[in-house]
Protein backbone atom coordinates (compact mmCIF):
# COMPACT_ATOMS: atom_id res chain seq x y z
CA MET A 1 57.02 100.92 265.27
CA ARG A 2 57.28 100.92 261.49
CA VAL A 3 53.81 100.40 260.00
CA LEU A 4 53.00 99.75 256.35
CA ILE A 5 49.38 100.52 255.35
CA LEU A 6 48.06 98.88 252.21
CA GLY A 7 45.17 100.95 250.86
CA GLY A 8 46.23 104.06 252.77
CA ASP A 9 44.24 106.47 250.59
CA GLY A 10 40.86 104.96 251.49
CA TYR A 11 38.06 105.77 253.91
CA LEU A 12 39.81 103.93 256.77
CA GLY A 13 43.36 103.80 255.45
CA TRP A 14 43.87 107.57 255.43
CA PRO A 15 42.69 108.29 259.00
CA THR A 16 44.67 105.26 260.20
CA ALA A 17 47.82 106.71 258.67
CA LEU A 18 47.24 110.06 260.40
CA SER A 19 46.36 108.47 263.73
CA LEU A 20 49.48 106.29 263.83
CA SER A 21 51.68 109.11 262.54
CA LYS A 22 50.48 111.43 265.31
CA ARG A 23 51.25 108.75 267.89
CA GLY A 24 54.88 108.55 266.80
CA HIS A 25 54.85 105.53 264.51
CA ASP A 26 56.79 105.58 261.23
CA VAL A 27 54.11 105.18 258.53
CA HIS A 28 54.41 104.18 254.87
CA ILE A 29 51.35 104.03 252.60
CA ILE A 30 50.74 102.04 249.41
CA ASP A 31 47.72 102.73 247.22
CA ASN A 32 46.79 102.54 243.53
CA TYR A 33 43.69 104.79 243.69
CA SER A 34 41.44 101.86 242.78
CA ARG A 35 38.65 103.13 245.03
CA ARG A 36 38.73 106.52 243.30
CA LYS A 37 38.86 104.91 239.87
CA LEU A 38 35.87 102.66 240.53
CA SER A 39 33.88 105.69 241.69
CA GLU A 40 34.79 107.55 238.50
CA VAL A 41 33.84 104.64 236.25
CA LEU A 42 30.47 104.29 237.98
CA ASN A 43 30.01 108.08 238.24
CA LEU A 44 29.61 107.82 242.01
CA GLN A 45 31.66 110.69 243.36
CA PRO A 46 31.95 111.23 247.13
CA LEU A 47 30.39 114.28 248.72
CA VAL A 48 33.74 116.11 248.79
CA THR A 49 36.60 115.48 246.34
CA GLN A 50 39.87 114.90 248.18
CA PRO A 51 43.33 115.85 246.88
CA ASP A 52 45.69 113.14 245.65
CA LEU A 53 47.79 111.19 248.12
CA ASN A 54 50.97 113.22 247.76
CA ALA A 55 49.04 116.45 248.35
CA ARG A 56 47.29 114.97 251.38
CA ILE A 57 50.60 113.85 252.86
CA GLU A 58 52.14 117.28 252.28
CA LEU A 59 49.15 118.91 253.95
CA TRP A 60 49.48 116.58 256.94
CA GLU A 61 53.17 117.42 257.30
CA ASN A 62 52.39 121.14 257.21
CA VAL A 63 49.69 120.79 259.88
CA SER A 64 51.40 118.28 262.18
CA GLY A 65 55.12 118.38 261.41
CA ASN A 66 55.01 114.59 260.96
CA LYS A 67 56.16 112.83 257.80
CA ILE A 68 54.40 109.96 256.02
CA SER A 69 55.99 108.23 253.02
CA CYS A 70 54.03 106.58 250.21
CA GLY A 71 54.26 104.43 247.14
CA LEU A 72 51.76 104.52 244.30
CA GLY A 73 51.31 100.99 243.06
CA ASP A 74 49.21 97.85 243.01
CA VAL A 75 49.67 95.24 245.74
CA THR A 76 48.38 92.54 243.39
CA ASP A 77 51.75 93.08 241.65
CA TYR A 78 53.93 90.73 243.66
CA GLU A 79 57.28 92.21 242.65
CA TYR A 80 56.12 95.73 243.46
CA LEU A 81 54.88 94.75 246.91
CA LEU A 82 58.06 92.77 247.60
CA GLU A 83 60.21 95.80 246.73
CA GLN A 84 58.14 98.11 248.94
CA VAL A 85 58.31 95.79 251.95
CA ARG A 86 62.04 95.15 251.50
CA ASN A 87 62.75 98.86 251.33
CA PHE A 88 60.56 99.91 254.27
CA GLN A 89 61.18 96.89 256.54
CA PRO A 90 57.93 97.23 258.53
CA ASP A 91 57.21 95.74 261.93
CA SER A 92 53.53 95.50 261.01
CA VAL A 93 51.38 95.63 257.87
CA ILE A 94 47.75 96.77 257.92
CA HIS A 95 45.86 95.29 254.98
CA TYR A 96 43.06 97.60 253.79
CA ALA A 97 43.79 97.15 250.09
CA GLU A 98 40.64 95.31 249.07
CA GLN A 99 37.55 96.14 247.05
CA PRO A 100 35.28 97.12 249.98
CA SER A 101 31.73 97.01 248.61
CA ALA A 102 29.20 94.18 248.78
CA PRO A 103 26.90 95.81 246.17
CA TYR A 104 29.83 96.35 243.77
CA SER A 105 30.72 92.66 243.97
CA MET A 106 27.15 91.82 242.91
CA LEU A 107 26.93 94.15 239.90
CA GLY A 108 27.97 91.53 237.34
CA TYR A 109 30.67 89.16 236.15
CA HIS A 110 33.45 91.71 235.62
CA GLU A 111 32.89 93.29 239.04
CA ALA A 112 32.77 89.85 240.65
CA ARG A 113 36.01 88.83 238.93
CA TYR A 114 37.73 92.06 239.97
CA THR A 115 36.60 91.58 243.57
CA LEU A 116 37.91 88.01 243.68
CA THR A 117 41.19 88.82 241.95
CA ASN A 118 41.98 92.00 243.84
CA ASN A 119 41.04 90.76 247.30
CA LEU A 120 42.49 87.26 247.23
CA ILE A 121 45.67 87.97 245.25
CA SER A 122 46.51 90.98 247.43
CA THR A 123 46.23 88.78 250.52
CA LEU A 124 48.21 85.93 248.96
CA ASN A 125 50.93 88.34 247.83
CA LEU A 126 51.21 89.81 251.30
CA ILE A 127 51.55 86.36 252.85
CA TYR A 128 54.38 85.37 250.49
CA VAL A 129 56.15 88.72 250.76
CA VAL A 130 56.15 88.53 254.56
CA LYS A 131 57.60 85.03 254.43
CA GLU A 132 60.24 86.21 251.95
CA VAL A 133 61.29 89.37 253.83
CA ASN A 134 60.62 88.69 257.52
CA SER A 135 58.14 86.13 258.83
CA ALA A 136 57.99 88.01 262.14
CA ILE A 137 56.11 90.93 260.52
CA HIS A 138 52.69 91.25 262.15
CA ILE A 139 49.88 91.18 259.57
CA VAL A 140 46.71 93.02 260.61
CA LYS A 141 43.96 92.27 258.10
CA LEU A 142 40.61 94.04 258.01
CA GLY A 143 37.90 91.43 257.91
CA THR A 144 34.19 91.94 258.41
CA MET A 145 31.45 90.85 260.78
CA GLY A 146 29.59 90.01 257.57
CA GLU A 147 31.68 86.85 257.32
CA TYR A 148 29.58 85.30 260.09
CA GLY A 149 26.22 86.02 258.53
CA THR A 150 23.29 85.79 260.93
CA PRO A 151 23.39 82.32 262.54
CA ASP A 152 20.76 81.33 265.07
CA ILE A 153 23.42 80.95 267.77
CA ASP A 154 25.73 83.38 269.60
CA ILE A 155 28.67 84.53 267.46
CA GLU A 156 32.02 83.92 269.17
CA GLU A 157 35.20 85.83 268.37
CA GLY A 158 36.60 83.86 265.47
CA PHE A 159 36.67 80.37 266.95
CA ILE A 160 34.13 77.98 268.42
CA ASP A 161 34.51 74.85 270.56
CA ILE A 162 32.45 71.95 269.22
CA GLU A 163 31.61 68.62 270.82
CA HIS A 164 30.48 65.94 268.38
CA LYS A 165 29.83 62.28 269.15
CA GLY A 166 31.80 62.43 272.37
CA ARG A 167 34.85 64.26 270.96
CA LYS A 168 35.81 67.95 271.19
CA ASP A 169 37.82 70.30 268.98
CA ARG A 170 38.22 74.02 268.25
CA PHE A 171 37.35 75.39 264.80
CA LEU A 172 36.95 78.68 262.99
CA PHE A 173 33.40 79.87 263.61
CA PRO A 174 31.20 78.78 260.66
CA ARG A 175 30.88 81.48 258.00
CA GLN A 176 27.74 82.34 256.01
CA ALA A 177 28.53 85.23 253.66
CA GLY A 178 25.79 87.49 252.33
CA SER A 179 27.62 88.66 249.18
CA LEU A 180 30.60 87.79 247.01
CA TYR A 181 32.59 90.54 248.74
CA HIS A 182 31.96 88.90 252.10
CA THR A 183 32.85 85.52 250.59
CA THR A 184 36.30 86.86 249.62
CA LYS A 185 36.75 88.01 253.21
CA ILE A 186 36.03 84.46 254.39
CA GLN A 187 38.62 83.17 251.93
CA ASP A 188 41.10 85.75 253.26
CA THR A 189 40.64 84.33 256.75
CA ASP A 190 41.09 80.78 255.48
CA LEU A 191 44.25 81.71 253.58
CA LEU A 192 45.78 83.48 256.54
CA TYR A 193 44.87 80.72 258.99
CA PHE A 194 46.41 78.10 256.71
CA TYR A 195 49.74 79.94 256.43
CA VAL A 196 49.73 80.79 260.14
CA ARG A 197 49.63 77.05 260.81
CA VAL A 198 52.19 75.94 258.22
CA TRP A 199 54.64 78.89 258.26
CA GLY A 200 54.23 80.22 261.79
CA LEU A 201 53.10 83.69 260.70
CA CYS A 202 51.78 86.30 263.14
CA VAL A 203 48.30 87.50 262.09
CA THR A 204 45.42 89.47 263.58
CA ASP A 205 42.11 89.35 261.71
CA LEU A 206 39.63 92.11 262.59
CA MET A 207 35.97 91.26 262.06
CA GLN A 208 34.76 94.83 261.75
CA GLY A 209 31.17 95.99 261.67
CA PRO A 210 29.98 98.91 259.51
CA VAL A 211 31.87 102.09 260.39
CA TYR A 212 30.27 105.51 260.63
CA GLY A 213 31.72 109.00 261.06
CA MET A 214 34.02 111.43 259.33
CA PHE A 215 36.24 113.01 261.94
CA THR A 216 39.00 111.75 264.20
CA GLU A 217 41.44 113.64 266.40
CA GLU A 218 43.64 114.16 263.35
CA MET A 219 41.09 114.83 260.59
CA PHE A 220 39.65 118.32 260.47
CA ALA A 221 37.53 119.75 257.69
CA GLU A 222 39.07 123.19 258.10
CA HIS A 223 42.48 121.73 257.24
CA GLY A 224 41.16 119.64 254.33
CA LEU A 225 42.33 116.42 255.97
CA GLU A 226 38.99 114.60 256.15
CA THR A 227 38.45 111.21 254.59
CA PHE A 228 35.95 110.25 251.87
CA PHE A 229 32.22 110.57 252.53
CA SER A 230 30.31 108.27 250.17
CA TYR A 231 26.53 108.21 250.22
CA ASP A 232 25.72 106.30 247.01
CA GLU A 233 24.19 102.82 246.92
CA ILE A 234 27.51 101.11 246.10
CA PHE A 235 30.09 102.61 248.44
CA GLY A 236 27.93 104.57 250.90
CA THR A 237 27.09 103.15 254.30
CA VAL A 238 23.58 103.13 255.72
CA LEU A 239 24.08 106.02 258.15
CA ASN A 240 25.69 108.22 255.50
CA ARG A 241 22.73 107.62 253.20
CA PHE A 242 20.25 108.46 255.93
CA PHE A 243 22.00 111.77 256.70
CA VAL A 244 22.02 112.79 253.04
CA GLN A 245 18.44 111.65 252.40
CA ALA A 246 17.19 113.69 255.36
CA VAL A 247 19.06 116.84 254.28
CA ILE A 248 17.65 116.79 250.72
CA ASP A 249 14.11 115.90 251.87
CA MET A 250 14.32 112.38 250.49
CA PRO A 251 12.72 109.54 252.48
CA LEU A 252 15.08 107.52 254.67
CA MET A 253 15.08 104.32 252.61
CA VAL A 254 14.95 101.21 254.77
CA TYR A 255 15.49 97.93 252.90
CA GLY A 256 12.59 95.57 253.59
CA ASN A 257 11.23 95.57 257.13
CA GLY A 258 14.51 96.94 258.51
CA GLY A 259 15.09 94.20 261.04
CA GLN A 260 18.57 93.49 259.66
CA THR A 261 20.80 93.85 262.72
CA ARG A 262 24.55 94.50 262.77
CA GLY A 263 27.35 95.68 265.06
CA PHE A 264 28.46 99.27 264.31
CA LEU A 265 31.32 101.48 265.45
CA ASN A 266 32.52 105.07 265.23
CA ILE A 267 35.55 105.69 263.00
CA LYS A 268 37.36 106.95 266.11
CA ASP A 269 37.02 103.48 267.58
CA THR A 270 38.44 101.89 264.44
CA MET A 271 41.56 103.97 265.11
CA GLN A 272 41.65 102.72 268.71
CA CYS A 273 41.16 99.09 267.69
CA ILE A 274 43.88 99.21 265.05
CA GLU A 275 46.46 100.53 267.48
CA LEU A 276 45.40 98.09 270.20
CA ALA A 277 45.83 95.25 267.70
CA LEU A 278 49.27 96.53 266.69
CA LEU A 279 50.39 96.79 270.31
CA ASN A 280 49.12 93.31 271.20
CA PRO A 281 50.28 90.92 268.46
CA PRO A 282 49.74 87.18 268.82
CA ASN A 283 52.63 84.80 269.16
CA PRO A 284 54.11 83.38 265.92
CA GLY A 285 51.94 80.56 264.62
CA LYS A 286 48.79 82.03 266.16
CA LEU A 287 45.81 83.78 264.57
CA SER A 288 44.04 86.35 266.72
CA ILE A 289 40.47 87.19 265.67
CA TYR A 290 38.67 90.15 267.25
CA ASN A 291 35.07 91.18 266.66
CA GLN A 292 35.36 94.94 266.13
CA PHE A 293 32.16 96.81 266.96
CA THR A 294 30.76 98.76 269.90
CA GLU A 295 26.95 98.86 269.53
CA ILE A 296 24.24 96.77 267.87
CA PHE A 297 21.41 98.35 265.88
CA SER A 298 18.83 97.24 263.38
CA VAL A 299 18.45 99.32 260.23
CA LYS A 300 15.04 100.60 261.32
CA GLU A 301 16.48 101.60 264.71
CA LEU A 302 19.18 103.64 262.95
CA ALA A 303 16.56 105.31 260.76
CA SER A 304 14.52 106.27 263.83
CA ILE A 305 17.60 107.68 265.60
CA VAL A 306 18.51 109.84 262.59
CA GLN A 307 14.88 110.85 262.09
CA LYS A 308 14.54 112.18 265.65
CA THR A 309 17.48 114.59 265.32
CA ALA A 310 16.53 115.50 261.76
CA ILE A 311 13.09 116.64 262.92
CA ASP A 312 14.80 118.85 265.52
CA PHE A 313 16.63 120.46 262.56
CA GLY A 314 13.28 121.19 260.96
CA LEU A 315 13.59 118.38 258.41
CA LYS A 316 10.76 116.01 257.49
CA ALA A 317 12.88 112.84 257.49
CA ARG A 318 10.07 110.47 256.55
CA ILE A 319 10.98 106.78 256.78
CA GLU A 320 10.06 104.64 253.78
CA HIS A 321 10.36 100.86 253.56
CA ILE A 322 11.38 99.81 250.05
CA PRO A 323 11.81 96.34 248.47
CA ASN A 324 15.06 94.83 249.66
CA PRO A 325 17.55 94.53 246.75
CA ARG A 326 19.60 92.04 248.75
CA ILE A 327 18.95 88.42 249.67
CA GLU A 328 19.19 88.47 253.46
CA SER A 329 17.22 87.73 256.60
CA GLU A 330 15.23 90.78 257.65
CA GLN A 331 14.36 89.39 261.08
CA HIS A 332 16.91 87.27 262.87
CA TYR A 333 18.81 86.47 266.06
CA TYR A 334 22.05 88.41 266.51
CA ASN A 335 24.28 88.18 269.59
CA PRO A 336 28.02 88.49 268.76
CA ASP A 337 30.76 88.65 271.39
CA ASN A 338 33.05 91.71 271.40
CA SER A 339 34.82 91.36 274.75
CA SER A 340 38.45 91.19 273.56
CA PHE A 341 38.94 94.83 272.65
CA LYS A 342 37.22 95.90 275.87
CA LYS A 343 39.77 93.83 277.80
CA LEU A 344 42.57 95.52 275.83
CA GLY A 345 41.30 98.96 276.87
CA LEU A 346 38.89 100.13 274.16
CA ILE A 347 36.89 103.17 275.27
CA PRO A 348 33.90 103.36 272.89
CA HIS A 349 32.49 106.49 271.28
CA LEU A 350 28.79 105.66 271.20
CA LEU A 351 26.22 106.90 268.72
CA ASP A 352 24.70 109.98 270.34
CA GLU A 353 22.91 113.19 269.42
CA LYS A 354 26.12 115.23 269.46
CA PHE A 355 27.63 113.02 266.77
CA ILE A 356 24.47 113.07 264.65
CA ILE A 357 24.34 116.88 264.82
CA GLN A 358 27.98 117.06 263.74
CA MET A 359 27.26 114.86 260.73
CA PHE A 360 24.17 116.85 259.76
CA GLU A 361 26.19 120.06 259.90
CA TYR A 362 28.83 118.55 257.60
CA VAL A 363 26.25 117.36 255.07
CA PHE A 364 24.38 120.68 255.17
CA LYS A 365 27.65 122.46 254.41
CA HIS A 366 28.01 120.48 251.17
CA LYS A 367 24.32 120.11 250.32
CA ASN A 368 24.71 121.66 246.86
CA LYS A 369 27.09 118.82 245.85
CA ILE A 370 24.62 116.00 246.54
CA SER A 371 23.44 113.95 243.56
CA ARG A 372 20.00 112.46 244.21
CA LYS A 373 20.23 109.96 241.37
CA ILE A 374 23.04 107.88 242.94
CA ILE A 375 21.29 107.17 246.26
CA LYS A 376 18.38 104.85 245.45
CA PRO A 377 19.48 101.20 245.08
CA SER A 378 19.52 99.64 241.63
CA THR A 379 21.84 96.68 242.25
CA VAL A 380 19.92 93.50 243.07
CA TRP A 381 21.34 90.22 244.39
CA SER A 382 18.90 88.10 242.37
């Protein structure tokens, strides 16, 4: 099929483009380098600097023989997005083009305003462009498990049946965001669900847990095709930070008591889930919501897993509990459903020692590029 990827230069957008290209889909990318620009402004460079999008695409074509086209522009510019969609005529659009960081959204007013404007206007523009060009285009939007928060009941996949005073109905599962970023993701879901109902659009919303990993079948370090590896407090994920902290003999910093529990998945499984979603669109006028994760860990469990392998490498990997900069429950119930992707054929890549060794080897290779000063958290919710 013809797949348009918004935010195709990013941590997930780039490997998604390669994965779909390898599998024979016709891929077009749009990106405005906002993720790179924010990193430059904040002086939070990834572990390895990646070439620009045109160079990456050329490299991919040389390695694979497959072509990917791209446009450099901002999807919050309605006319630009309209032109790109009209010209490419996609069957599906994958929407990654949002500011992806909870800590960034909590830095201050200007960062909060940018997060709201970028995330909500990009989604609204996509909705109107699809209606204008072809309402049958399948929108696949990357949501987050963080939309649900940590309720004291089981988390269903998107919807919940409620009986109240003798009557029953089906609603979106109640959302309890933990940051402004997550709040914009809730608003994305509300926007899409509204226009699904009134315009009959075809939308899949993926409630994705934190992703870990660097390599897929298509991304190889020796070819220079890998994605971004961020380990700073704004854009880095918890596992990335633990790997880097262990390598440079810095304590593995666990926020609070470390009981915060989430659903995680390997980047390889993100690639699987995206294609499964593309190949199984809902009917027009329906919103499909899938919870996209494979395993559940608390932060302190992840720290212990990394610590065990780090010690085998001869590293100290001491775990240190530090004051939590976020306002969140550090001990809570967490039991989300993730059965839909399993039914569609997802074969999970679970967190194991082989993967952890591979990540340690990658970080060791680039150890001299690590900046210690960007790891420790300084952004506080309060």
